[in-house]
Protein backbone atom coordinates (compact mmCIF):
# COMPACT_ATOMS: atom_id res chain seq x y z
CA UNK A 1 0.00 0.00 0.00
CA UNK A 2 1.11 3.50 -0.73
CA UNK A 3 -0.09 6.86 0.55
CA UNK A 4 -0.01 9.19 3.47
CA UNK A 5 -0.52 7.82 6.99
CA UNK A 6 -4.10 9.17 6.95
CA UNK A 7 -4.85 7.47 3.59
CA UNK A 8 -3.37 4.18 4.81
CA UNK A 9 -5.34 4.35 8.06
CA UNK A 10 -8.54 4.95 6.07
CA UNK A 11 -7.83 1.88 3.90
CA UNK A 12 -7.10 -0.28 6.94
CA UNK A 13 -10.33 0.94 8.60
CA UNK A 14 -12.31 -0.10 5.47
CA UNK A 15 -10.72 -3.55 5.60
CA UNK A 16 -11.56 -3.96 9.30
CA UNK A 17 -15.14 -2.79 8.67
CA UNK A 18 -15.50 -5.33 5.85
CA UNK A 19 -14.19 -8.10 8.11
CA UNK A 20 -16.77 -7.11 10.74
CA UNK A 21 -19.58 -7.33 8.12
CA UNK A 22 -18.42 -10.75 6.91
CA UNK A 23 -18.14 -12.09 10.45
CA UNK A 24 -21.62 -10.77 11.30
CA UNK A 25 -23.04 -12.71 8.31
CA UNK A 26 -21.06 -15.85 9.26
CA UNK A 27 -20.74 -15.94 13.06
CA UNK A 28 -19.63 -19.58 13.22
CA UNK A 29 -16.13 -20.29 11.88
CA UNK A 30 -15.98 -22.43 8.79
CA UNK A 31 -13.70 -25.41 9.31
CA UNK A 32 -12.43 -27.59 6.51
CA UNK A 33 -10.94 -30.07 8.96
CA UNK A 34 -13.17 -32.77 10.37
CA UNK A 35 -12.39 -34.51 13.61
CA UNK A 36 -13.16 -37.86 12.01
CA UNK A 37 -10.33 -37.26 9.52
CA UNK A 38 -7.73 -37.25 12.30
CA UNK A 39 -6.07 -40.60 12.66
CA UNK A 40 -4.83 -41.92 15.97
CA UNK A 41 -1.81 -43.47 14.26
CA UNK A 42 0.31 -42.28 11.37
CA UNK A 43 1.14 -44.86 8.71
CA UNK A 44 2.80 -42.89 5.91
CA UNK A 45 5.07 -44.94 3.60
CA UNK A 46 8.36 -43.01 3.77
CA UNK A 47 10.11 -44.94 0.98
CA UNK A 48 7.56 -43.84 -1.59
CA UNK A 49 7.73 -40.22 -0.45
CA UNK A 50 11.55 -40.32 -0.59
CA UNK A 51 11.48 -41.50 -4.19
CA UNK A 52 8.95 -38.89 -5.30
CA UNK A 53 10.56 -35.99 -3.44
CA UNK A 54 14.06 -37.17 -4.43
CA UNK A 55 15.38 -36.90 -0.90
CA UNK A 56 15.72 -38.93 2.28
CA UNK A 57 13.33 -38.01 5.05
CA UNK A 58 13.14 -39.17 8.64
CA UNK A 59 10.17 -40.90 10.22
CA UNK A 60 9.30 -40.63 13.89
CA UNK A 61 6.07 -42.17 15.20
CA UNK A 62 4.85 -42.43 11.61
CA UNK A 63 5.33 -38.72 10.84
CA UNK A 64 7.57 -38.15 7.82
CA UNK A 65 9.88 -35.12 7.74
CA UNK A 66 12.22 -34.10 4.93
CA UNK A 67 14.49 -31.11 4.53
CA UNK A 68 16.33 -29.83 1.46
CA UNK A 69 18.71 -26.89 1.65
CA UNK A 70 19.88 -24.06 -0.54
CA UNK A 71 23.22 -22.31 -0.30
CA UNK A 72 23.74 -18.59 -0.17
CA UNK A 73 25.51 -15.76 1.58
CA UNK A 74 24.04 -14.25 4.73
CA UNK A 75 26.03 -11.28 6.00
CA UNK A 76 28.85 -12.48 3.78
CA UNK A 77 28.97 -15.99 5.26
CA UNK A 78 28.14 -19.09 3.21
CA UNK A 79 25.16 -20.84 4.82
CA UNK A 80 22.78 -23.62 3.90
CA UNK A 81 20.35 -26.15 5.29
CA UNK A 82 21.93 -26.34 8.75
CA UNK A 83 21.42 -22.59 9.23
CA UNK A 84 17.75 -22.62 8.21
CA UNK A 85 18.00 -21.92 4.49
CA UNK A 86 15.92 -24.99 3.81
CA UNK A 87 12.73 -26.39 2.39
CA UNK A 88 10.98 -28.52 5.01
CA UNK A 89 8.09 -30.88 4.39
CA UNK A 90 6.12 -32.91 6.96
CA UNK A 91 3.50 -35.58 6.24
CA UNK A 92 1.16 -37.19 8.78
CA UNK A 93 -1.78 -39.56 8.48
CA UNK A 94 -1.99 -42.50 6.12
CA UNK A 95 -1.20 -43.06 2.46
CA UNK A 96 -4.88 -42.48 1.63
CA UNK A 97 -5.63 -39.63 4.08
CA UNK A 98 -2.60 -37.45 4.65
CA UNK A 99 -1.90 -33.94 5.77
CA UNK A 100 1.18 -32.12 4.55
CA UNK A 101 2.67 -28.90 5.87
CA UNK A 102 5.94 -27.13 5.37
CA UNK A 103 7.80 -24.30 3.79
CA UNK A 104 9.71 -23.88 0.57
CA UNK A 105 12.76 -21.63 0.42
CA UNK A 106 13.21 -19.77 -2.86
CA UNK A 107 14.73 -16.76 -4.52
CA UNK A 108 12.71 -13.75 -5.66
CA UNK A 109 12.82 -15.00 -9.25
CA UNK A 110 11.25 -18.34 -8.23
CA UNK A 111 8.33 -17.06 -6.15
CA UNK A 112 5.66 -16.81 -8.86
CA UNK A 113 6.35 -20.25 -10.33
CA UNK A 114 6.34 -21.93 -6.91
CA UNK A 115 3.14 -20.16 -5.81
CA UNK A 116 1.36 -21.04 -9.04
CA UNK A 117 2.40 -24.69 -8.76
CA UNK A 118 1.19 -24.90 -5.15
CA UNK A 119 -2.17 -23.33 -6.04
CA UNK A 120 -2.63 -25.59 -9.09
CA UNK A 121 -2.08 -28.51 -6.72
CA UNK A 122 -4.78 -27.22 -4.37
CA UNK A 123 -2.34 -26.62 -1.53
CA UNK A 124 -3.09 -23.68 0.76
CA UNK A 125 -0.47 -20.97 1.02
CA UNK A 126 -0.37 -19.79 4.63
CA UNK A 127 2.51 -17.29 4.63
CA UNK A 128 5.18 -15.68 2.49
CA UNK A 129 8.13 -14.28 4.40
CA UNK A 130 11.52 -12.75 3.93
CA UNK A 131 13.21 -13.45 7.25
CA UNK A 132 16.81 -12.47 6.71
CA UNK A 133 18.50 -9.28 5.67
CA UNK A 134 21.63 -8.80 3.61
CA UNK A 135 21.36 -12.28 2.11
CA UNK A 136 22.51 -13.13 -1.42
CA UNK A 137 20.48 -14.16 -3.20
CA UNK A 138 17.40 -12.79 -1.46
CA UNK A 139 15.68 -15.77 0.17
CA UNK A 140 11.93 -15.99 0.64
CA UNK A 141 9.95 -18.68 2.46
CA UNK A 142 6.44 -19.79 1.52
CA UNK A 143 4.53 -21.86 4.07
CA UNK A 144 1.83 -24.26 2.88
CA UNK A 145 -0.44 -27.05 3.97
CA UNK A 146 -2.93 -29.41 2.39
CA UNK A 147 -4.63 -32.75 2.69
CA UNK A 148 -5.36 -35.66 0.39
CA UNK A 149 -3.63 -38.81 -0.77
CA UNK A 150 0.05 -38.81 0.30
CA UNK A 151 1.24 -39.73 -3.21
CA UNK A 152 -0.78 -36.94 -4.84
CA UNK A 153 0.51 -34.40 -2.33
CA UNK A 154 4.11 -35.55 -2.82
CA UNK A 155 3.82 -35.36 -6.63
CA UNK A 156 2.34 -31.87 -6.33
CA UNK A 157 5.20 -30.74 -4.11
CA UNK A 158 7.74 -32.29 -6.49
CA UNK A 159 6.23 -30.21 -9.31
CA UNK A 160 6.44 -27.04 -7.18
CA UNK A 161 10.05 -27.80 -6.27
CA UNK A 162 10.81 -28.56 -9.93
CA UNK A 163 9.77 -25.04 -10.94
CA UNK A 164 12.84 -23.81 -9.07
CA UNK A 165 15.06 -25.60 -11.56
CA UNK A 166 13.55 -23.94 -14.64
C-alpha atoms as a PDB file:
ATOM      1  CA  UNK A   1       0.000   0.000   0.000  1.00  0.00           C
ATOM      2  CA  UNK A   2       1.114   3.496  -0.730  1.00  0.00           C
ATOM      3  CA  UNK A   3      -0.092   6.859   0.547  1.00  0.00           C
ATOM      4  CA  UNK A   4      -0.008   9.192   3.475  1.00  0.00           C
ATOM      5  CA  UNK A   5      -0.519   7.823   6.992  1.00  0.00           C
ATOM      6  CA  UNK A   6      -4.097   9.170   6.951  1.00  0.00           C
ATOM      7  CA  UNK A   7      -4.848   7.465   3.592  1.00  0.00           C
ATOM      8  CA  UNK A   8      -3.367   4.182   4.812  1.00  0.00           C
ATOM      9  CA  UNK A   9      -5.336   4.354   8.061  1.00  0.00           C
ATOM     10  CA  UNK A  10      -8.540   4.947   6.069  1.00  0.00           C
ATOM     11  CA  UNK A  11      -7.828   1.884   3.901  1.00  0.00           C
ATOM     12  CA  UNK A  12      -7.101  -0.285   6.941  1.00  0.00           C
ATOM     13  CA  UNK A  13     -10.327   0.942   8.598  1.00  0.00           C
ATOM     14  CA  UNK A  14     -12.306  -0.101   5.468  1.00  0.00           C
ATOM     15  CA  UNK A  15     -10.723  -3.554   5.598  1.00  0.00           C
ATOM     16  CA  UNK A  16     -11.558  -3.963   9.297  1.00  0.00           C
ATOM     17  CA  UNK A  17     -15.141  -2.792   8.673  1.00  0.00           C
ATOM     18  CA  UNK A  18     -15.497  -5.330   5.848  1.00  0.00           C
ATOM     19  CA  UNK A  19     -14.190  -8.100   8.108  1.00  0.00           C
ATOM     20  CA  UNK A  20     -16.775  -7.110  10.737  1.00  0.00           C
ATOM     21  CA  UNK A  21     -19.577  -7.329   8.118  1.00  0.00           C
ATOM     22  CA  UNK A  22     -18.418 -10.749   6.906  1.00  0.00           C
ATOM     23  CA  UNK A  23     -18.141 -12.088  10.450  1.00  0.00           C
ATOM     24  CA  UNK A  24     -21.620 -10.774  11.298  1.00  0.00           C
ATOM     25  CA  UNK A  25     -23.040 -12.705   8.309  1.00  0.00           C
ATOM     26  CA  UNK A  26     -21.058 -15.846   9.259  1.00  0.00           C
ATOM     27  CA  UNK A  27     -20.736 -15.939  13.065  1.00  0.00           C
ATOM     28  CA  UNK A  28     -19.626 -19.584  13.215  1.00  0.00           C
ATOM     29  CA  UNK A  29     -16.130 -20.293  11.882  1.00  0.00           C
ATOM     30  CA  UNK A  30     -15.977 -22.427   8.785  1.00  0.00           C
ATOM     31  CA  UNK A  31     -13.703 -25.408   9.307  1.00  0.00           C
ATOM     32  CA  UNK A  32     -12.432 -27.590   6.505  1.00  0.00           C
ATOM     33  CA  UNK A  33     -10.941 -30.073   8.957  1.00  0.00           C
ATOM     34  CA  UNK A  34     -13.173 -32.768  10.366  1.00  0.00           C
ATOM     35  CA  UNK A  35     -12.388 -34.510  13.609  1.00  0.00           C
ATOM     36  CA  UNK A  36     -13.158 -37.862  12.011  1.00  0.00           C
ATOM     37  CA  UNK A  37     -10.331 -37.260   9.524  1.00  0.00           C
ATOM     38  CA  UNK A  38      -7.728 -37.251  12.296  1.00  0.00           C
ATOM     39  CA  UNK A  39      -6.068 -40.605  12.661  1.00  0.00           C
ATOM     40  CA  UNK A  40      -4.835 -41.920  15.971  1.00  0.00           C
ATOM     41  CA  UNK A  41      -1.812 -43.471  14.265  1.00  0.00           C
ATOM     42  CA  UNK A  42       0.314 -42.282  11.366  1.00  0.00           C
ATOM     43  CA  UNK A  43       1.136 -44.863   8.705  1.00  0.00           C
ATOM     44  CA  UNK A  44       2.799 -42.887   5.906  1.00  0.00           C
ATOM     45  CA  UNK A  45       5.073 -44.935   3.597  1.00  0.00           C
ATOM     46  CA  UNK A  46       8.362 -43.007   3.771  1.00  0.00           C
ATOM     47  CA  UNK A  47      10.114 -44.945   0.981  1.00  0.00           C
ATOM     48  CA  UNK A  48       7.560 -43.840  -1.594  1.00  0.00           C
ATOM     49  CA  UNK A  49       7.734 -40.218  -0.454  1.00  0.00           C
ATOM     50  CA  UNK A  50      11.550 -40.319  -0.587  1.00  0.00           C
ATOM     51  CA  UNK A  51      11.484 -41.504  -4.195  1.00  0.00           C
ATOM     52  CA  UNK A  52       8.946 -38.887  -5.296  1.00  0.00           C
ATOM     53  CA  UNK A  53      10.561 -35.986  -3.442  1.00  0.00           C
ATOM     54  CA  UNK A  54      14.059 -37.167  -4.432  1.00  0.00           C
ATOM     55  CA  UNK A  55      15.381 -36.897  -0.896  1.00  0.00           C
ATOM     56  CA  UNK A  56      15.722 -38.928   2.276  1.00  0.00           C
ATOM     57  CA  UNK A  57      13.334 -38.010   5.050  1.00  0.00           C
ATOM     58  CA  UNK A  58      13.144 -39.165   8.642  1.00  0.00           C
ATOM     59  CA  UNK A  59      10.166 -40.897  10.216  1.00  0.00           C
ATOM     60  CA  UNK A  60       9.305 -40.632  13.888  1.00  0.00           C
ATOM     61  CA  UNK A  61       6.069 -42.170  15.197  1.00  0.00           C
ATOM     62  CA  UNK A  62       4.851 -42.428  11.613  1.00  0.00           C
ATOM     63  CA  UNK A  63       5.332 -38.719  10.842  1.00  0.00           C
ATOM     64  CA  UNK A  64       7.565 -38.153   7.817  1.00  0.00           C
ATOM     65  CA  UNK A  65       9.879 -35.116   7.736  1.00  0.00           C
ATOM     66  CA  UNK A  66      12.217 -34.103   4.929  1.00  0.00           C
ATOM     67  CA  UNK A  67      14.491 -31.114   4.535  1.00  0.00           C
ATOM     68  CA  UNK A  68      16.334 -29.832   1.462  1.00  0.00           C
ATOM     69  CA  UNK A  69      18.709 -26.895   1.648  1.00  0.00           C
ATOM     70  CA  UNK A  70      19.877 -24.057  -0.537  1.00  0.00           C
ATOM     71  CA  UNK A  71      23.224 -22.312  -0.298  1.00  0.00           C
ATOM     72  CA  UNK A  72      23.740 -18.591  -0.171  1.00  0.00           C
ATOM     73  CA  UNK A  73      25.506 -15.760   1.576  1.00  0.00           C
ATOM     74  CA  UNK A  74      24.040 -14.251   4.733  1.00  0.00           C
ATOM     75  CA  UNK A  75      26.028 -11.283   5.996  1.00  0.00           C
ATOM     76  CA  UNK A  76      28.854 -12.476   3.777  1.00  0.00           C
ATOM     77  CA  UNK A  77      28.973 -15.986   5.259  1.00  0.00           C
ATOM     78  CA  UNK A  78      28.140 -19.087   3.206  1.00  0.00           C
ATOM     79  CA  UNK A  79      25.155 -20.836   4.819  1.00  0.00           C
ATOM     80  CA  UNK A  80      22.785 -23.618   3.895  1.00  0.00           C
ATOM     81  CA  UNK A  81      20.350 -26.152   5.286  1.00  0.00           C
ATOM     82  CA  UNK A  82      21.929 -26.339   8.746  1.00  0.00           C
ATOM     83  CA  UNK A  83      21.421 -22.593   9.226  1.00  0.00           C
ATOM     84  CA  UNK A  84      17.749 -22.618   8.212  1.00  0.00           C
ATOM     85  CA  UNK A  85      18.002 -21.916   4.487  1.00  0.00           C
ATOM     86  CA  UNK A  86      15.923 -24.993   3.811  1.00  0.00           C
ATOM     87  CA  UNK A  87      12.729 -26.390   2.392  1.00  0.00           C
ATOM     88  CA  UNK A  88      10.983 -28.518   5.006  1.00  0.00           C
ATOM     89  CA  UNK A  89       8.090 -30.882   4.391  1.00  0.00           C
ATOM     90  CA  UNK A  90       6.119 -32.910   6.960  1.00  0.00           C
ATOM     91  CA  UNK A  91       3.505 -35.579   6.236  1.00  0.00           C
ATOM     92  CA  UNK A  92       1.161 -37.195   8.779  1.00  0.00           C
ATOM     93  CA  UNK A  93      -1.777 -39.565   8.485  1.00  0.00           C
ATOM     94  CA  UNK A  94      -1.992 -42.495   6.115  1.00  0.00           C
ATOM     95  CA  UNK A  95      -1.199 -43.059   2.459  1.00  0.00           C
ATOM     96  CA  UNK A  96      -4.877 -42.485   1.628  1.00  0.00           C
ATOM     97  CA  UNK A  97      -5.633 -39.627   4.077  1.00  0.00           C
ATOM     98  CA  UNK A  98      -2.595 -37.455   4.649  1.00  0.00           C
ATOM     99  CA  UNK A  99      -1.901 -33.938   5.769  1.00  0.00           C
ATOM    100  CA  UNK A 100       1.179 -32.116   4.548  1.00  0.00           C
ATOM    101  CA  UNK A 101       2.665 -28.902   5.871  1.00  0.00           C
ATOM    102  CA  UNK A 102       5.940 -27.134   5.368  1.00  0.00           C
ATOM    103  CA  UNK A 103       7.800 -24.296   3.794  1.00  0.00           C
ATOM    104  CA  UNK A 104       9.712 -23.880   0.571  1.00  0.00           C
ATOM    105  CA  UNK A 105      12.756 -21.626   0.418  1.00  0.00           C
ATOM    106  CA  UNK A 106      13.214 -19.767  -2.858  1.00  0.00           C
ATOM    107  CA  UNK A 107      14.730 -16.762  -4.518  1.00  0.00           C
ATOM    108  CA  UNK A 108      12.715 -13.753  -5.659  1.00  0.00           C
ATOM    109  CA  UNK A 109      12.820 -14.996  -9.251  1.00  0.00           C
ATOM    110  CA  UNK A 110      11.254 -18.337  -8.231  1.00  0.00           C
ATOM    111  CA  UNK A 111       8.334 -17.055  -6.149  1.00  0.00           C
ATOM    112  CA  UNK A 112       5.656 -16.808  -8.856  1.00  0.00           C
ATOM    113  CA  UNK A 113       6.351 -20.248 -10.329  1.00  0.00           C
ATOM    114  CA  UNK A 114       6.342 -21.929  -6.907  1.00  0.00           C
ATOM    115  CA  UNK A 115       3.142 -20.160  -5.811  1.00  0.00           C
ATOM    116  CA  UNK A 116       1.356 -21.035  -9.042  1.00  0.00           C
ATOM    117  CA  UNK A 117       2.401 -24.693  -8.763  1.00  0.00           C
ATOM    118  CA  UNK A 118       1.186 -24.896  -5.151  1.00  0.00           C
ATOM    119  CA  UNK A 119      -2.172 -23.332  -6.041  1.00  0.00           C
ATOM    120  CA  UNK A 120      -2.627 -25.588  -9.087  1.00  0.00           C
ATOM    121  CA  UNK A 121      -2.082 -28.513  -6.719  1.00  0.00           C
ATOM    122  CA  UNK A 122      -4.781 -27.225  -4.371  1.00  0.00           C
ATOM    123  CA  UNK A 123      -2.339 -26.618  -1.527  1.00  0.00           C
ATOM    124  CA  UNK A 124      -3.095 -23.684   0.763  1.00  0.00           C
ATOM    125  CA  UNK A 125      -0.466 -20.969   1.025  1.00  0.00           C
ATOM    126  CA  UNK A 126      -0.372 -19.792   4.631  1.00  0.00           C
ATOM    127  CA  UNK A 127       2.510 -17.292   4.633  1.00  0.00           C
ATOM    128  CA  UNK A 128       5.180 -15.681   2.489  1.00  0.00           C
ATOM    129  CA  UNK A 129       8.127 -14.279   4.399  1.00  0.00           C
ATOM    130  CA  UNK A 130      11.518 -12.751   3.934  1.00  0.00           C
ATOM    131  CA  UNK A 131      13.206 -13.451   7.255  1.00  0.00           C
ATOM    132  CA  UNK A 132      16.812 -12.474   6.706  1.00  0.00           C
ATOM    133  CA  UNK A 133      18.503  -9.281   5.670  1.00  0.00           C
ATOM    134  CA  UNK A 134      21.634  -8.804   3.607  1.00  0.00           C
ATOM    135  CA  UNK A 135      21.364 -12.279   2.113  1.00  0.00           C
ATOM    136  CA  UNK A 136      22.514 -13.128  -1.415  1.00  0.00           C
ATOM    137  CA  UNK A 137      20.483 -14.163  -3.202  1.00  0.00           C
ATOM    138  CA  UNK A 138      17.398 -12.785  -1.464  1.00  0.00           C
ATOM    139  CA  UNK A 139      15.680 -15.766   0.171  1.00  0.00           C
ATOM    140  CA  UNK A 140      11.928 -15.994   0.639  1.00  0.00           C
ATOM    141  CA  UNK A 141       9.945 -18.679   2.456  1.00  0.00           C
ATOM    142  CA  UNK A 142       6.445 -19.790   1.518  1.00  0.00           C
ATOM    143  CA  UNK A 143       4.531 -21.864   4.071  1.00  0.00           C
ATOM    144  CA  UNK A 144       1.826 -24.256   2.883  1.00  0.00           C
ATOM    145  CA  UNK A 145      -0.438 -27.053   3.969  1.00  0.00           C
ATOM    146  CA  UNK A 146      -2.926 -29.414   2.388  1.00  0.00           C
ATOM    147  CA  UNK A 147      -4.632 -32.753   2.689  1.00  0.00           C
ATOM    148  CA  UNK A 148      -5.358 -35.658   0.386  1.00  0.00           C
ATOM    149  CA  UNK A 149      -3.627 -38.810  -0.767  1.00  0.00           C
ATOM    150  CA  UNK A 150       0.049 -38.805   0.295  1.00  0.00           C
ATOM    151  CA  UNK A 151       1.240 -39.730  -3.214  1.00  0.00           C
ATOM    152  CA  UNK A 152      -0.778 -36.941  -4.844  1.00  0.00           C
ATOM    153  CA  UNK A 153       0.510 -34.403  -2.332  1.00  0.00           C
ATOM    154  CA  UNK A 154       4.108 -35.549  -2.824  1.00  0.00           C
ATOM    155  CA  UNK A 155       3.816 -35.363  -6.632  1.00  0.00           C
ATOM    156  CA  UNK A 156       2.335 -31.865  -6.334  1.00  0.00           C
ATOM    157  CA  UNK A 157       5.202 -30.745  -4.113  1.00  0.00           C
ATOM    158  CA  UNK A 158       7.744 -32.291  -6.492  1.00  0.00           C
ATOM    159  CA  UNK A 159       6.234 -30.209  -9.314  1.00  0.00           C
ATOM    160  CA  UNK A 160       6.438 -27.040  -7.180  1.00  0.00           C
ATOM    161  CA  UNK A 161      10.054 -27.800  -6.274  1.00  0.00           C
ATOM    162  CA  UNK A 162      10.809 -28.563  -9.935  1.00  0.00           C
ATOM    163  CA  UNK A 163       9.772 -25.043 -10.940  1.00  0.00           C
ATOM    164  CA  UNK A 164      12.841 -23.806  -9.075  1.00  0.00           C
ATOM    165  CA  UNK A 165      15.065 -25.598 -11.563  1.00  0.00           C
ATOM    166  CA  UNK A 166      13.555 -23.940 -14.640  1.00  0.00           C
END
